[in-house]
Structure formats: C-alpha cells, structure tokens
N, C-alpha and C. Protein backbone atom coordinates (compact mmCIF):
# COMPACT_ATOMS: atom_id res chain seq x y z
N UNK A 1 -23.19 14.95 9.41
CA UNK A 1 -22.69 14.42 8.17
C UNK A 1 -21.82 13.21 8.43
N UNK A 2 -22.06 12.15 7.72
CA UNK A 2 -21.36 10.88 7.93
C UNK A 2 -20.03 10.87 7.17
N UNK A 3 -18.99 10.37 7.81
CA UNK A 3 -17.68 10.24 7.17
C UNK A 3 -17.62 8.90 6.45
N UNK A 4 -17.74 8.94 5.12
CA UNK A 4 -17.78 7.69 4.34
C UNK A 4 -16.40 7.21 3.92
N UNK A 5 -15.35 7.98 4.19
CA UNK A 5 -14.01 7.55 3.76
C UNK A 5 -13.51 6.35 4.55
N UNK A 6 -14.08 6.07 5.68
CA UNK A 6 -13.64 4.93 6.49
C UNK A 6 -14.21 3.61 5.98
N UNK A 7 -15.18 3.66 5.06
CA UNK A 7 -15.84 2.46 4.57
C UNK A 7 -15.27 1.97 3.25
N UNK A 8 -14.06 2.35 2.94
CA UNK A 8 -13.46 1.96 1.67
C UNK A 8 -12.86 0.57 1.82
N UNK A 9 -13.29 -0.34 0.94
CA UNK A 9 -12.72 -1.69 0.94
C UNK A 9 -11.29 -1.60 0.40
N UNK A 10 -10.34 -2.19 1.10
CA UNK A 10 -8.94 -2.05 0.66
C UNK A 10 -8.66 -2.79 -0.65
N UNK A 11 -8.03 -2.07 -1.56
CA UNK A 11 -7.51 -2.67 -2.79
C UNK A 11 -6.00 -2.67 -2.64
N UNK A 12 -5.37 -3.75 -2.91
CA UNK A 12 -3.92 -3.81 -2.79
C UNK A 12 -3.29 -2.97 -3.90
N UNK A 13 -2.17 -2.35 -3.57
CA UNK A 13 -1.45 -1.50 -4.52
C UNK A 13 -0.08 -2.08 -4.81
N UNK A 14 0.44 -1.78 -5.99
CA UNK A 14 1.77 -2.20 -6.38
C UNK A 14 2.50 -1.03 -7.04
N UNK A 15 3.82 -1.01 -6.90
CA UNK A 15 4.62 0.00 -7.58
C UNK A 15 5.16 -0.62 -8.86
N UNK A 16 4.91 0.06 -9.97
CA UNK A 16 5.38 -0.39 -11.27
C UNK A 16 6.69 0.30 -11.60
N UNK A 17 7.66 -0.47 -12.06
CA UNK A 17 8.92 0.04 -12.57
C UNK A 17 8.97 -0.34 -14.05
N UNK A 18 9.07 0.64 -14.93
CA UNK A 18 9.16 0.37 -16.36
C UNK A 18 10.36 1.15 -16.91
N UNK A 19 11.29 0.44 -17.54
CA UNK A 19 12.44 1.06 -18.17
C UNK A 19 12.26 0.94 -19.67
N UNK A 20 12.12 2.08 -20.33
CA UNK A 20 11.78 2.11 -21.76
C UNK A 20 12.69 3.09 -22.50
N UNK A 21 12.65 3.02 -23.84
CA UNK A 21 13.41 3.97 -24.65
C UNK A 21 12.86 5.37 -24.37
N UNK A 22 13.74 6.35 -24.24
CA UNK A 22 13.32 7.71 -23.95
C UNK A 22 12.36 8.25 -25.00
N UNK A 23 12.57 7.87 -26.25
CA UNK A 23 11.72 8.37 -27.34
C UNK A 23 10.29 7.83 -27.26
N UNK A 24 10.08 6.75 -26.51
CA UNK A 24 8.74 6.15 -26.38
C UNK A 24 8.15 6.32 -24.98
N UNK A 25 8.77 7.13 -24.14
CA UNK A 25 8.31 7.28 -22.76
C UNK A 25 6.87 7.78 -22.67
N UNK A 26 6.50 8.77 -23.48
CA UNK A 26 5.13 9.29 -23.44
C UNK A 26 4.13 8.23 -23.89
N UNK A 27 4.51 7.44 -24.87
CA UNK A 27 3.64 6.37 -25.36
C UNK A 27 3.37 5.36 -24.24
N UNK A 28 4.43 4.91 -23.56
CA UNK A 28 4.26 3.95 -22.47
C UNK A 28 3.53 4.58 -21.29
N UNK A 29 3.75 5.85 -21.05
CA UNK A 29 3.05 6.55 -19.98
C UNK A 29 1.54 6.55 -20.22
N UNK A 30 1.13 6.70 -21.48
CA UNK A 30 -0.30 6.69 -21.79
C UNK A 30 -0.91 5.30 -21.59
N UNK A 31 -0.14 4.25 -21.86
CA UNK A 31 -0.63 2.89 -21.61
C UNK A 31 -0.83 2.69 -20.11
N UNK A 32 0.13 3.14 -19.32
CA UNK A 32 0.03 3.00 -17.86
C UNK A 32 -1.16 3.80 -17.34
N UNK A 33 -1.35 5.01 -17.83
CA UNK A 33 -2.47 5.85 -17.40
C UNK A 33 -3.81 5.18 -17.68
N UNK A 34 -3.90 4.46 -18.78
CA UNK A 34 -5.15 3.78 -19.15
C UNK A 34 -5.52 2.67 -18.16
N UNK A 35 -4.58 2.27 -17.31
CA UNK A 35 -4.84 1.23 -16.31
C UNK A 35 -5.02 1.83 -14.92
N UNK A 36 -5.65 2.99 -14.85
CA UNK A 36 -6.06 3.66 -13.61
C UNK A 36 -4.89 4.03 -12.71
N UNK A 37 -3.76 4.39 -13.30
CA UNK A 37 -2.62 4.86 -12.51
C UNK A 37 -2.75 6.37 -12.35
N UNK A 38 -2.95 6.84 -11.13
CA UNK A 38 -3.15 8.27 -10.88
C UNK A 38 -1.85 9.03 -10.75
N UNK A 39 -0.75 8.35 -10.53
CA UNK A 39 0.52 9.04 -10.32
C UNK A 39 1.63 8.32 -11.07
N UNK A 40 2.47 9.12 -11.76
CA UNK A 40 3.62 8.59 -12.48
C UNK A 40 4.79 9.54 -12.29
N UNK A 41 5.96 8.97 -12.23
CA UNK A 41 7.19 9.75 -12.13
C UNK A 41 8.16 9.20 -13.17
N UNK A 42 8.64 10.08 -14.04
CA UNK A 42 9.60 9.67 -15.08
C UNK A 42 10.94 10.32 -14.83
N UNK A 43 12.00 9.56 -15.07
CA UNK A 43 13.35 10.10 -14.90
C UNK A 43 14.31 9.42 -15.86
N UNK A 44 15.38 10.13 -16.24
CA UNK A 44 16.36 9.52 -17.14
C UNK A 44 17.00 8.30 -16.49
N UNK A 45 17.37 7.33 -17.30
CA UNK A 45 17.98 6.10 -16.78
C UNK A 45 18.99 5.56 -17.78
N UNK A 46 19.76 4.60 -17.35
CA UNK A 46 20.71 3.91 -18.22
C UNK A 46 20.48 2.42 -18.08
N UNK A 47 20.64 1.72 -19.17
CA UNK A 47 20.55 0.26 -19.14
C UNK A 47 21.84 -0.32 -18.57
N UNK A 48 21.84 -1.61 -18.30
CA UNK A 48 23.02 -2.24 -17.71
C UNK A 48 24.15 -2.43 -18.72
N UNK A 49 23.86 -2.35 -20.00
CA UNK A 49 24.89 -2.59 -21.00
C UNK A 49 25.75 -1.37 -21.27
N UNK A 50 25.47 -0.22 -20.65
CA UNK A 50 26.22 1.00 -20.97
C UNK A 50 27.72 0.88 -20.67
N UNK A 51 28.12 0.09 -19.69
CA UNK A 51 29.54 -0.06 -19.37
C UNK A 51 30.29 -0.74 -20.51
N UNK A 52 29.73 -1.80 -21.03
CA UNK A 52 30.37 -2.54 -22.12
C UNK A 52 30.36 -1.71 -23.39
N UNK A 53 29.24 -1.06 -23.67
CA UNK A 53 29.17 -0.23 -24.88
C UNK A 53 30.17 0.92 -24.84
N UNK A 54 30.32 1.56 -23.69
CA UNK A 54 31.31 2.64 -23.55
C UNK A 54 32.72 2.13 -23.78
N UNK A 55 33.02 0.96 -23.27
CA UNK A 55 34.34 0.36 -23.44
C UNK A 55 34.64 0.10 -24.91
N UNK A 56 33.62 -0.29 -25.67
CA UNK A 56 33.78 -0.57 -27.10
C UNK A 56 33.67 0.69 -27.96
N UNK A 57 33.37 1.83 -27.34
CA UNK A 57 33.24 3.07 -28.09
C UNK A 57 31.91 3.22 -28.78
N UNK A 58 30.92 2.47 -28.34
CA UNK A 58 29.58 2.54 -28.92
C UNK A 58 28.68 3.35 -27.99
N UNK A 59 27.60 3.86 -28.52
CA UNK A 59 26.68 4.62 -27.67
C UNK A 59 25.39 3.83 -27.47
N UNK A 60 24.74 4.14 -26.40
CA UNK A 60 23.49 3.47 -26.06
C UNK A 60 22.35 4.48 -26.18
N UNK A 61 21.18 4.00 -26.56
CA UNK A 61 20.01 4.89 -26.63
C UNK A 61 19.59 5.28 -25.23
N UNK A 62 19.15 6.53 -25.09
CA UNK A 62 18.70 7.04 -23.79
C UNK A 62 17.46 6.29 -23.33
N UNK A 63 17.41 6.03 -22.04
CA UNK A 63 16.29 5.30 -21.43
C UNK A 63 15.55 6.21 -20.45
N UNK A 64 14.33 5.84 -20.13
CA UNK A 64 13.53 6.52 -19.12
C UNK A 64 12.98 5.49 -18.15
N UNK A 65 13.07 5.78 -16.87
CA UNK A 65 12.47 4.96 -15.84
C UNK A 65 11.14 5.59 -15.47
N UNK A 66 10.06 4.83 -15.58
CA UNK A 66 8.73 5.30 -15.19
C UNK A 66 8.33 4.55 -13.93
N UNK A 67 8.09 5.30 -12.86
CA UNK A 67 7.59 4.73 -11.61
C UNK A 67 6.12 5.10 -11.50
N UNK A 68 5.30 4.15 -11.12
CA UNK A 68 3.87 4.41 -11.01
C UNK A 68 3.25 3.51 -9.95
N UNK A 69 2.19 4.00 -9.34
CA UNK A 69 1.42 3.18 -8.40
C UNK A 69 0.20 2.67 -9.14
N UNK A 70 0.01 1.35 -9.13
CA UNK A 70 -1.12 0.74 -9.82
C UNK A 70 -1.87 -0.19 -8.85
N UNK A 71 -3.13 -0.36 -9.12
CA UNK A 71 -3.92 -1.29 -8.32
C UNK A 71 -3.51 -2.72 -8.69
N UNK A 72 -3.49 -3.59 -7.69
CA UNK A 72 -3.08 -4.98 -7.92
C UNK A 72 -4.01 -5.67 -8.91
N UNK A 73 -5.29 -5.30 -8.92
CA UNK A 73 -6.22 -5.94 -9.85
C UNK A 73 -5.99 -5.49 -11.30
N UNK A 74 -5.24 -4.42 -11.51
CA UNK A 74 -4.89 -3.94 -12.85
C UNK A 74 -3.47 -4.32 -13.25
N UNK A 75 -2.65 -4.70 -12.28
CA UNK A 75 -1.22 -4.90 -12.52
C UNK A 75 -0.93 -5.98 -13.55
N UNK A 76 -1.57 -7.14 -13.46
CA UNK A 76 -1.26 -8.23 -14.39
C UNK A 76 -1.66 -7.87 -15.82
N UNK A 77 -2.81 -7.25 -15.99
CA UNK A 77 -3.23 -6.83 -17.34
C UNK A 77 -2.28 -5.77 -17.89
N UNK A 78 -1.82 -4.87 -17.04
CA UNK A 78 -0.88 -3.84 -17.47
C UNK A 78 0.46 -4.45 -17.88
N UNK A 79 0.99 -5.35 -17.07
CA UNK A 79 2.25 -6.02 -17.40
C UNK A 79 2.12 -6.79 -18.71
N UNK A 80 0.99 -7.46 -18.92
CA UNK A 80 0.76 -8.20 -20.17
C UNK A 80 0.73 -7.27 -21.37
N UNK A 81 0.05 -6.12 -21.23
CA UNK A 81 -0.01 -5.16 -22.32
C UNK A 81 1.38 -4.57 -22.62
N UNK A 82 2.13 -4.25 -21.56
CA UNK A 82 3.48 -3.74 -21.76
C UNK A 82 4.36 -4.78 -22.44
N UNK A 83 4.24 -6.04 -22.01
CA UNK A 83 5.02 -7.12 -22.61
C UNK A 83 4.70 -7.27 -24.10
N UNK A 84 3.43 -7.21 -24.45
CA UNK A 84 3.04 -7.27 -25.87
C UNK A 84 3.62 -6.10 -26.65
N UNK A 85 3.62 -4.92 -26.04
CA UNK A 85 4.16 -3.73 -26.69
C UNK A 85 5.68 -3.84 -26.87
N UNK A 86 6.37 -4.42 -25.88
CA UNK A 86 7.82 -4.60 -25.98
C UNK A 86 8.19 -5.47 -27.19
N UNK A 87 7.28 -6.33 -27.62
CA UNK A 87 7.54 -7.24 -28.74
C UNK A 87 7.27 -6.61 -30.10
N UNK A 88 6.79 -5.36 -30.14
CA UNK A 88 6.45 -4.70 -31.41
C UNK A 88 7.67 -4.43 -32.28
N UNK A 89 8.79 -4.17 -31.68
CA UNK A 89 9.99 -3.85 -32.45
C UNK A 89 11.08 -3.31 -31.57
N UNK A 90 12.23 -3.07 -32.18
CA UNK A 90 13.42 -2.64 -31.45
C UNK A 90 13.20 -1.34 -30.65
N UNK A 91 12.52 -0.36 -31.23
CA UNK A 91 12.33 0.91 -30.53
C UNK A 91 11.33 0.81 -29.37
N UNK A 92 10.61 -0.31 -29.27
CA UNK A 92 9.63 -0.51 -28.19
C UNK A 92 10.17 -1.39 -27.07
N UNK A 93 11.40 -1.83 -27.17
CA UNK A 93 11.96 -2.72 -26.15
C UNK A 93 11.97 -2.05 -24.78
N UNK A 94 11.82 -2.87 -23.75
CA UNK A 94 11.85 -2.35 -22.40
C UNK A 94 11.71 -3.47 -21.38
N UNK A 95 11.67 -3.07 -20.12
CA UNK A 95 11.52 -4.00 -19.01
C UNK A 95 10.50 -3.40 -18.06
N UNK A 96 9.62 -4.24 -17.53
CA UNK A 96 8.63 -3.75 -16.56
C UNK A 96 8.36 -4.83 -15.51
N UNK A 97 8.20 -4.39 -14.27
CA UNK A 97 7.85 -5.30 -13.19
C UNK A 97 7.17 -4.50 -12.08
N UNK A 98 6.51 -5.21 -11.17
CA UNK A 98 5.85 -4.54 -10.05
C UNK A 98 6.38 -5.10 -8.73
N UNK A 99 6.23 -4.28 -7.69
CA UNK A 99 6.58 -4.67 -6.33
C UNK A 99 5.36 -4.32 -5.47
N UNK A 100 4.94 -5.26 -4.65
CA UNK A 100 3.76 -5.03 -3.81
C UNK A 100 4.05 -4.00 -2.72
N UNK A 101 3.08 -3.11 -2.49
CA UNK A 101 3.16 -2.15 -1.39
C UNK A 101 2.42 -2.75 -0.20
N UNK A 102 3.02 -2.66 0.97
CA UNK A 102 2.39 -3.26 2.14
C UNK A 102 1.64 -2.25 3.00
N UNK A 103 1.90 -0.96 2.80
CA UNK A 103 1.26 0.03 3.66
C UNK A 103 1.22 1.39 2.97
N UNK A 104 0.10 2.08 3.15
CA UNK A 104 -0.05 3.46 2.69
C UNK A 104 -0.73 4.22 3.82
N UNK A 105 -0.17 5.35 4.20
CA UNK A 105 -0.71 6.12 5.31
C UNK A 105 -1.75 7.11 4.80
N UNK A 106 -2.90 7.10 5.40
CA UNK A 106 -3.95 8.08 5.11
C UNK A 106 -4.98 7.57 4.11
N UNK A 107 -6.23 7.72 4.48
CA UNK A 107 -7.34 7.27 3.65
C UNK A 107 -7.41 8.03 2.34
N UNK A 108 -7.22 9.35 2.39
CA UNK A 108 -7.30 10.15 1.18
C UNK A 108 -6.15 9.83 0.22
N UNK A 109 -4.95 9.65 0.76
CA UNK A 109 -3.80 9.29 -0.08
C UNK A 109 -4.04 7.93 -0.72
N UNK A 110 -4.49 6.98 0.10
CA UNK A 110 -4.78 5.65 -0.42
C UNK A 110 -5.84 5.73 -1.52
N UNK A 111 -6.91 6.48 -1.28
CA UNK A 111 -7.99 6.60 -2.27
C UNK A 111 -7.50 7.20 -3.57
N UNK A 112 -6.61 8.20 -3.49
CA UNK A 112 -6.05 8.79 -4.71
C UNK A 112 -5.20 7.77 -5.45
N UNK A 113 -4.31 7.09 -4.75
CA UNK A 113 -3.43 6.11 -5.40
C UNK A 113 -4.21 4.93 -5.98
N UNK A 114 -5.30 4.54 -5.32
CA UNK A 114 -6.11 3.42 -5.80
C UNK A 114 -7.14 3.85 -6.84
N UNK A 115 -7.19 5.16 -7.13
CA UNK A 115 -8.18 5.71 -8.07
C UNK A 115 -9.60 5.34 -7.62
N UNK A 116 -9.84 5.51 -6.33
CA UNK A 116 -11.13 5.17 -5.72
C UNK A 116 -11.86 6.46 -5.37
N UNK A 117 -12.90 6.78 -6.10
CA UNK A 117 -13.63 8.04 -5.92
C UNK A 117 -14.34 8.11 -4.57
N UNK A 118 -14.56 6.99 -3.90
CA UNK A 118 -15.24 7.01 -2.61
C UNK A 118 -14.41 7.70 -1.54
N UNK A 119 -13.10 7.84 -1.76
CA UNK A 119 -12.22 8.45 -0.76
C UNK A 119 -12.21 9.97 -0.85
N UNK A 120 -12.79 10.52 -1.90
CA UNK A 120 -12.77 11.97 -2.09
C UNK A 120 -13.78 12.61 -1.14
N UNK A 121 -13.31 13.60 -0.38
CA UNK A 121 -14.21 14.32 0.52
C UNK A 121 -15.01 15.31 -0.28
N UNK A 122 -16.31 15.33 -0.06
CA UNK A 122 -17.17 16.30 -0.72
C UNK A 122 -17.66 17.30 0.31
N UNK A 123 -17.77 18.56 -0.13
CA UNK A 123 -18.23 19.62 0.79
C UNK A 123 -19.71 19.57 0.99
C-alpha cells in the first residue's frame, strides 16, 4: 500500500486573530468556518479602551477573541468579508488580522489544519 500523505503540495497557513463583540462571536465564527477553517478557539477578551472607560465609570461591552488557522489562499477573502461585516453597524464592530505560520509538524496535523483531504489516512 502506497503512502500518499507525503505527496501533499504545501499550502501556506496563517493564524487569524479576530476580536469581536461577545454577542456576535457565533456569527463571526460561522463566517470563519465558511473559509475552510478546521480549528477555532474562542476566549473572553477586553478591548484597549477598558482602562479609560473604568476610570470614567463607564462599562465596556464584552469581547471575544477568536483564534483560527486558515489557509493563506483563503485569508485575504476572509479578512475582506470580516471587514465588510465590521461596517454593518455598531454591534458588528471588531478587529481582525492574520500572522503567517512558518512551520507545522506532522503531515496529518498539517493536512487537518489546511483542510486537505489528501492527508487523511484511509484503512
């Protein structure tokens, strides 16, 4: 039986950081998922203005940080879609950017993160 996992053409990967309103986290997560992101991690976050708002006795809306691995060929379209969504209104405001990944260990891990079905071992 031939091992075909070694014949995978490398696709570059990037890590997406998206900081969004907590109430819209699931909505933004579904947008990211639509761009072939196989893994996402969400966690509570605070914006940079919380220090000033606390000093003035004002409260800030809860934020969520979404971390995801995306293929580089999908990253620009995803950032553009997120940017368009951020312009929909106040409750959709957010920040998103990507950082290039230089190395991933293991063909199967890489295949999962790149959403490449050729990396899946079949019995």
